[in-house]
């Protein structure tokens, strides 16, 4: 993982919301979040759920020892960036320009029919921070035509 320090980072006028956590999250920082059935936020499990946005690097407990940094308990506030450009932790290899979706809160290359969380503005490998333009939409399903043999 690239050595980056986000302490004290500000997100230049980007729109954020504060939502209540619907589950305990070991580390919410830079993870893709979604609403649960009660309207609280949880890690976006996969591309079948509409993403809310990306939890800020300051989300969760600020533990100087690093043991519990980013931890969120049920009912805690979670700061989430909902548009513009931010950073998300990658769950696999991502190329610049890829559409990304959630997989366990991490960003992975989007598959057809799934909800896209954003467009990658940097190429990264697993466990690196990917710069993304947050754009939420459902990726169209690829239609494959059957090739008829006129034989």
C-alpha atoms as a PDB file:
ATOM      1  CA  UNK A   1       0.000   0.000   0.000  1.00  0.00           C
ATOM      2  CA  UNK A   2       1.232   3.475  -0.828  1.00  0.00           C
ATOM      3  CA  UNK A   3       2.439   5.474   2.159  1.00  0.00           C
ATOM      4  CA  UNK A   4      -0.096   8.283   2.505  1.00  0.00           C
ATOM      5  CA  UNK A   5      -1.046  10.432   5.448  1.00  0.00           C
ATOM      6  CA  UNK A   6      -4.551  11.889   5.374  1.00  0.00           C
ATOM      7  CA  UNK A   7      -4.420  13.543   8.815  1.00  0.00           C
ATOM      8  CA  UNK A   8      -5.964  16.980   8.653  1.00  0.00           C
ATOM      9  CA  UNK A   9      -7.153  16.548   5.063  1.00  0.00           C
ATOM     10  CA  UNK A  10     -10.056  18.753   4.070  1.00  0.00           C
ATOM     11  CA  UNK A  11     -12.261  17.959   1.125  1.00  0.00           C
ATOM     12  CA  UNK A  12     -12.632  21.433  -0.436  1.00  0.00           C
ATOM     13  CA  UNK A  13     -16.345  22.145  -0.199  1.00  0.00           C
ATOM     14  CA  UNK A  14     -17.444  18.594  -1.057  1.00  0.00           C
ATOM     15  CA  UNK A  15     -20.904  17.702   0.118  1.00  0.00           C
ATOM     16  CA  UNK A  16     -21.015  15.383   3.120  1.00  0.00           C
ATOM     17  CA  UNK A  17     -23.788  13.980   5.282  1.00  0.00           C
ATOM     18  CA  UNK A  18     -23.743  12.575   8.789  1.00  0.00           C
ATOM     19  CA  UNK A  19     -25.639   9.318   9.190  1.00  0.00           C
ATOM     20  CA  UNK A  20     -26.088   6.878  12.055  1.00  0.00           C
ATOM     21  CA  UNK A  21     -24.320   3.499  11.879  1.00  0.00           C
ATOM     22  CA  UNK A  22     -26.648   0.506  11.690  1.00  0.00           C
ATOM     23  CA  UNK A  23     -23.947  -2.020  12.570  1.00  0.00           C
ATOM     24  CA  UNK A  24     -20.546  -2.207  14.211  1.00  0.00           C
ATOM     25  CA  UNK A  25     -17.842  -1.603  11.615  1.00  0.00           C
ATOM     26  CA  UNK A  26     -14.235  -2.520  12.415  1.00  0.00           C
ATOM     27  CA  UNK A  27     -12.903   0.255  10.146  1.00  0.00           C
ATOM     28  CA  UNK A  28     -15.247   2.579   8.226  1.00  0.00           C
ATOM     29  CA  UNK A  29     -12.541   4.883   6.853  1.00  0.00           C
ATOM     30  CA  UNK A  30     -12.607   5.295   3.064  1.00  0.00           C
ATOM     31  CA  UNK A  31     -15.212   2.549   2.669  1.00  0.00           C
ATOM     32  CA  UNK A  32     -18.308   2.656   0.450  1.00  0.00           C
ATOM     33  CA  UNK A  33     -21.448   2.962   2.564  1.00  0.00           C
ATOM     34  CA  UNK A  34     -25.110   2.076   1.893  1.00  0.00           C
ATOM     35  CA  UNK A  35     -28.386   2.350   3.791  1.00  0.00           C
ATOM     36  CA  UNK A  36     -29.781  -0.658   5.650  1.00  0.00           C
ATOM     37  CA  UNK A  37     -33.519  -1.432   5.916  1.00  0.00           C
ATOM     38  CA  UNK A  38     -33.826   0.999   8.858  1.00  0.00           C
ATOM     39  CA  UNK A  39     -32.188   3.938   7.038  1.00  0.00           C
ATOM     40  CA  UNK A  40     -28.888   3.641   8.917  1.00  0.00           C
ATOM     41  CA  UNK A  41     -25.548   3.213   7.156  1.00  0.00           C
ATOM     42  CA  UNK A  42     -23.528   0.021   6.858  1.00  0.00           C
ATOM     43  CA  UNK A  43     -20.704  -1.130   4.604  1.00  0.00           C
ATOM     44  CA  UNK A  44     -22.049  -1.573   1.075  1.00  0.00           C
ATOM     45  CA  UNK A  45     -21.929  -5.353   0.713  1.00  0.00           C
ATOM     46  CA  UNK A  46     -21.822  -5.509  -3.059  1.00  0.00           C
ATOM     47  CA  UNK A  47     -22.981  -3.858  -6.262  1.00  0.00           C
ATOM     48  CA  UNK A  48     -26.613  -4.863  -5.747  1.00  0.00           C
ATOM     49  CA  UNK A  49     -27.144  -2.014  -3.249  1.00  0.00           C
ATOM     50  CA  UNK A  50     -27.298   1.692  -4.049  1.00  0.00           C
ATOM     51  CA  UNK A  51     -24.240   3.397  -2.518  1.00  0.00           C
ATOM     52  CA  UNK A  52     -24.705   6.479  -0.342  1.00  0.00           C
ATOM     53  CA  UNK A  53     -21.079   7.604  -0.660  1.00  0.00           C
ATOM     54  CA  UNK A  54     -17.649   7.130   0.880  1.00  0.00           C
ATOM     55  CA  UNK A  55     -16.905   7.422   4.607  1.00  0.00           C
ATOM     56  CA  UNK A  56     -14.321  10.111   5.295  1.00  0.00           C
ATOM     57  CA  UNK A  57     -10.805   9.272   6.493  1.00  0.00           C
ATOM     58  CA  UNK A  58     -11.759  10.883   9.814  1.00  0.00           C
ATOM     59  CA  UNK A  59     -14.763   8.532  10.269  1.00  0.00           C
ATOM     60  CA  UNK A  60     -14.953   6.445  13.419  1.00  0.00           C
ATOM     61  CA  UNK A  61     -12.691   6.373  16.437  1.00  0.00           C
ATOM     62  CA  UNK A  62      -9.501   8.428  16.237  1.00  0.00           C
ATOM     63  CA  UNK A  63      -7.152   6.111  18.137  1.00  0.00           C
ATOM     64  CA  UNK A  64      -3.542   7.359  18.245  1.00  0.00           C
ATOM     65  CA  UNK A  65      -2.334   3.781  18.848  1.00  0.00           C
ATOM     66  CA  UNK A  66      -4.048   2.661  15.635  1.00  0.00           C
ATOM     67  CA  UNK A  67      -5.661  -0.338  17.313  1.00  0.00           C
ATOM     68  CA  UNK A  68      -9.248   0.889  16.924  1.00  0.00           C
ATOM     69  CA  UNK A  69      -8.811   3.656  14.356  1.00  0.00           C
ATOM     70  CA  UNK A  70     -11.899   3.982  12.179  1.00  0.00           C
ATOM     71  CA  UNK A  71     -14.039   1.706  14.373  1.00  0.00           C
ATOM     72  CA  UNK A  72     -17.735   2.583  14.436  1.00  0.00           C
ATOM     73  CA  UNK A  73     -20.250   1.248  16.950  1.00  0.00           C
ATOM     74  CA  UNK A  74     -23.984   0.879  16.323  1.00  0.00           C
ATOM     75  CA  UNK A  75     -25.584   4.324  16.614  1.00  0.00           C
ATOM     76  CA  UNK A  76     -22.332   6.285  16.109  1.00  0.00           C
ATOM     77  CA  UNK A  77     -22.242   9.133  13.601  1.00  0.00           C
ATOM     78  CA  UNK A  78     -20.498   8.420  10.294  1.00  0.00           C
ATOM     79  CA  UNK A  79     -19.367  11.301   8.043  1.00  0.00           C
ATOM     80  CA  UNK A  80     -19.926  10.387   4.404  1.00  0.00           C
ATOM     81  CA  UNK A  81     -18.860  12.215   1.247  1.00  0.00           C
ATOM     82  CA  UNK A  82     -21.727  11.949  -1.246  1.00  0.00           C
ATOM     83  CA  UNK A  83     -20.314  13.688  -4.342  1.00  0.00           C
ATOM     84  CA  UNK A  84     -17.220  15.202  -5.962  1.00  0.00           C
ATOM     85  CA  UNK A  85     -13.760  13.576  -5.731  1.00  0.00           C
ATOM     86  CA  UNK A  86     -12.613  11.466  -2.791  1.00  0.00           C
ATOM     87  CA  UNK A  87     -10.558   8.424  -1.822  1.00  0.00           C
ATOM     88  CA  UNK A  88     -11.776   4.863  -1.374  1.00  0.00           C
ATOM     89  CA  UNK A  89      -9.829   1.772  -0.354  1.00  0.00           C
ATOM     90  CA  UNK A  90      -9.472  -0.755  -3.193  1.00  0.00           C
ATOM     91  CA  UNK A  91     -10.490  -4.390  -2.828  1.00  0.00           C
ATOM     92  CA  UNK A  92      -8.677  -5.398  -6.032  1.00  0.00           C
ATOM     93  CA  UNK A  93      -6.821  -4.032  -9.031  1.00  0.00           C
ATOM     94  CA  UNK A  94      -8.471  -0.949 -10.530  1.00  0.00           C
ATOM     95  CA  UNK A  95      -7.408   0.837 -13.705  1.00  0.00           C
ATOM     96  CA  UNK A  96      -7.742   4.566 -14.263  1.00  0.00           C
ATOM     97  CA  UNK A  97     -11.166   5.162 -15.824  1.00  0.00           C
ATOM     98  CA  UNK A  98     -12.781   1.985 -14.429  1.00  0.00           C
ATOM     99  CA  UNK A  99     -16.271   2.194 -13.012  1.00  0.00           C
ATOM    100  CA  UNK A 100     -16.098   0.961  -9.409  1.00  0.00           C
ATOM    101  CA  UNK A 101     -18.686  -0.699  -7.181  1.00  0.00           C
ATOM    102  CA  UNK A 102     -18.663  -1.955  -3.610  1.00  0.00           C
ATOM    103  CA  UNK A 103     -17.495  -5.324  -2.362  1.00  0.00           C
ATOM    104  CA  UNK A 104     -17.556  -5.479   1.422  1.00  0.00           C
ATOM    105  CA  UNK A 105     -17.238  -1.676   1.473  1.00  0.00           C
ATOM    106  CA  UNK A 106     -14.109  -1.748  -0.707  1.00  0.00           C
ATOM    107  CA  UNK A 107     -13.955  -0.580  -4.328  1.00  0.00           C
ATOM    108  CA  UNK A 108     -13.715  -3.155  -7.101  1.00  0.00           C
ATOM    109  CA  UNK A 109     -14.236  -2.948 -10.857  1.00  0.00           C
ATOM    110  CA  UNK A 110     -17.989  -2.668 -11.543  1.00  0.00           C
ATOM    111  CA  UNK A 111     -19.824  -5.499 -13.228  1.00  0.00           C
ATOM    112  CA  UNK A 112     -22.796  -5.097 -15.555  1.00  0.00           C
ATOM    113  CA  UNK A 113     -26.153  -4.636 -13.824  1.00  0.00           C
ATOM    114  CA  UNK A 114     -24.589  -3.435 -10.565  1.00  0.00           C
ATOM    115  CA  UNK A 115     -24.608  -0.007  -8.936  1.00  0.00           C
ATOM    116  CA  UNK A 116     -21.539   2.105  -9.633  1.00  0.00           C
ATOM    117  CA  UNK A 117     -20.116   4.222  -6.799  1.00  0.00           C
ATOM    118  CA  UNK A 118     -17.723   6.215  -8.986  1.00  0.00           C
ATOM    119  CA  UNK A 119     -15.109   6.453 -11.715  1.00  0.00           C
ATOM    120  CA  UNK A 120     -11.473   5.707 -10.848  1.00  0.00           C
ATOM    121  CA  UNK A 121      -9.152   8.673 -11.377  1.00  0.00           C
ATOM    122  CA  UNK A 122      -6.069   6.637 -10.492  1.00  0.00           C
ATOM    123  CA  UNK A 123      -4.811   3.111 -11.096  1.00  0.00           C
ATOM    124  CA  UNK A 124      -4.283   1.085  -7.916  1.00  0.00           C
ATOM    125  CA  UNK A 125      -3.865  -2.426  -6.608  1.00  0.00           C
ATOM    126  CA  UNK A 126      -5.617  -4.119  -3.686  1.00  0.00           C
ATOM    127  CA  UNK A 127      -5.385  -2.224  -0.352  1.00  0.00           C
ATOM    128  CA  UNK A 128      -4.324   1.071  -1.970  1.00  0.00           C
ATOM    129  CA  UNK A 129      -6.306   4.311  -1.907  1.00  0.00           C
ATOM    130  CA  UNK A 130      -8.050   5.015  -5.200  1.00  0.00           C
ATOM    131  CA  UNK A 131      -9.046   8.549  -6.105  1.00  0.00           C
ATOM    132  CA  UNK A 132     -12.608   8.460  -7.470  1.00  0.00           C
ATOM    133  CA  UNK A 133     -15.162  10.850  -8.866  1.00  0.00           C
ATOM    134  CA  UNK A 134     -18.284   9.870  -6.948  1.00  0.00           C
ATOM    135  CA  UNK A 135     -21.056   9.238  -9.479  1.00  0.00           C
ATOM    136  CA  UNK A 136     -23.847   6.874  -8.459  1.00  0.00           C
ATOM    137  CA  UNK A 137     -25.841   5.012 -11.113  1.00  0.00           C
ATOM    138  CA  UNK A 138     -26.692   1.505 -12.218  1.00  0.00           C
ATOM    139  CA  UNK A 139     -24.410   0.072 -14.894  1.00  0.00           C
ATOM    140  CA  UNK A 140     -26.444  -1.272 -17.805  1.00  0.00           C
ATOM    141  CA  UNK A 141     -26.630  -5.000 -18.318  1.00  0.00           C
ATOM    142  CA  UNK A 142     -24.707  -6.224 -21.306  1.00  0.00           C
ATOM    143  CA  UNK A 143     -26.981  -7.891 -23.799  1.00  0.00           C
ATOM    144  CA  UNK A 144     -25.495 -10.725 -25.760  1.00  0.00           C
ATOM    145  CA  UNK A 145     -27.173 -11.597 -28.992  1.00  0.00           C
ATOM    146  CA  UNK A 146     -27.284 -15.190 -30.040  1.00  0.00           C
ATOM    147  CA  UNK A 147     -25.463 -15.719 -33.275  1.00  0.00           C
ATOM    148  CA  UNK A 148     -27.687 -17.659 -35.595  1.00  0.00           C
ATOM    149  CA  UNK A 149     -26.044 -20.081 -37.920  1.00  0.00           C
ATOM    150  CA  UNK A 150     -27.570 -19.721 -41.334  1.00  0.00           C
ATOM    151  CA  UNK A 151     -25.649 -22.737 -42.267  1.00  0.00           C
END
